[in-house]
Amino acid sequence: MAYQSIGRGSTANDGTGDDLRAGAAKVNSNFVEIYTKLGDGTTLTSDSVVLLDTVQTLTNKAIDTQTNTI
């Protein structure tokens, strides 16, 4: 699944963004994908995660979303 952005509309309360239910569904889907990629679907791992072909230990690290690097 690809990342799902929540439509906020052009201006506050203009009716062009996602409603609360659709926005919540997108948030849930995004978190399910993260928990599935970095854990067992329910909990996140605190050990090593295989990223592409390299193993990285996730301890106080930040993921750069522009380059997908740690």
Protein backbone atom coordinates (compact mmCIF):
# COMPACT_ATOMS: atom_id res chain seq x y z
CA MET A 1 0.00 0.00 0.00
CA ALA A 2 1.19 3.52 -0.68
CA TYR A 3 1.15 6.33 1.86
CA GLN A 4 -2.30 7.93 2.13
CA SER A 5 -2.40 11.67 2.71
CA ILE A 6 -5.39 13.14 4.53
CA GLY A 7 -7.21 15.75 2.46
CA ARG A 8 -7.49 18.87 4.63
CA GLY A 9 -9.33 21.05 2.12
CA SER A 10 -8.32 24.46 0.81
CA THR A 11 -9.39 26.41 3.88
CA ALA A 12 -10.82 25.49 7.28
CA ASN A 13 -14.33 23.99 7.12
CA ASP A 14 -14.73 24.51 3.36
CA GLY A 15 -16.08 20.96 2.84
CA THR A 16 -13.40 19.97 0.29
CA GLY A 17 -11.23 17.81 2.57
CA ASP A 18 -11.73 14.27 3.85
CA ASP A 19 -14.43 13.80 6.45
CA LEU A 20 -13.43 12.56 9.92
CA ARG A 21 -14.20 8.92 9.13
CA ALA A 22 -12.19 8.88 5.87
CA GLY A 23 -9.27 10.68 7.53
CA ALA A 24 -9.23 8.21 10.44
CA ALA A 25 -9.27 5.28 7.98
CA LYS A 26 -6.19 6.71 6.24
CA VAL A 27 -4.38 7.18 9.56
CA ASN A 28 -5.17 3.58 10.55
CA SER A 29 -4.02 2.23 7.17
CA ASN A 30 -0.75 4.15 7.36
CA PHE A 31 -0.03 2.83 10.87
CA VAL A 32 -0.92 -0.76 9.91
CA GLU A 33 1.62 -0.54 7.10
CA ILE A 34 4.34 0.75 9.46
CA TYR A 35 3.60 -1.90 12.09
CA THR A 36 3.64 -4.61 9.40
CA LYS A 37 6.95 -3.42 7.90
CA LEU A 38 8.74 -2.80 11.21
CA GLY A 39 7.13 -5.39 13.43
CA ASP A 40 4.68 -8.26 13.49
CA GLY A 41 1.56 -6.32 12.54
CA THR A 42 0.66 -5.59 16.16
CA THR A 43 3.87 -4.39 17.82
CA LEU A 44 7.02 -2.68 16.57
CA THR A 45 10.31 -4.47 16.89
CA SER A 46 13.03 -3.04 19.11
CA ASP A 47 15.71 -5.23 17.58
CA SER A 48 17.28 -5.15 14.13
CA VAL A 49 15.23 -4.53 11.01
CA VAL A 50 16.33 -5.50 7.50
CA LEU A 51 16.21 -2.42 5.28
CA LEU A 52 16.89 -3.36 1.67
CA ASP A 53 20.03 -5.49 2.01
CA THR A 54 21.47 -3.96 5.16
CA VAL A 55 20.63 -4.66 8.81
CA GLN A 56 20.28 -1.55 10.98
CA THR A 57 19.64 -1.48 14.72
CA LEU A 58 16.90 1.05 15.49
CA THR A 59 18.13 2.83 18.60
CA ASN A 60 17.69 6.61 18.77
CA LYS A 61 17.83 6.95 14.99
CA ALA A 62 15.82 9.07 12.59
CA ILE A 63 14.73 8.02 9.12
CA ASP A 64 15.21 10.69 6.44
CA THR A 65 12.01 10.47 4.39
CA GLN A 66 13.58 12.38 1.50
CA THR A 67 16.38 9.86 0.93
CA ASN A 68 14.97 6.88 2.84
CA THR A 69 18.18 6.57 4.83
CA ILE A 70 18.92 6.31 8.53
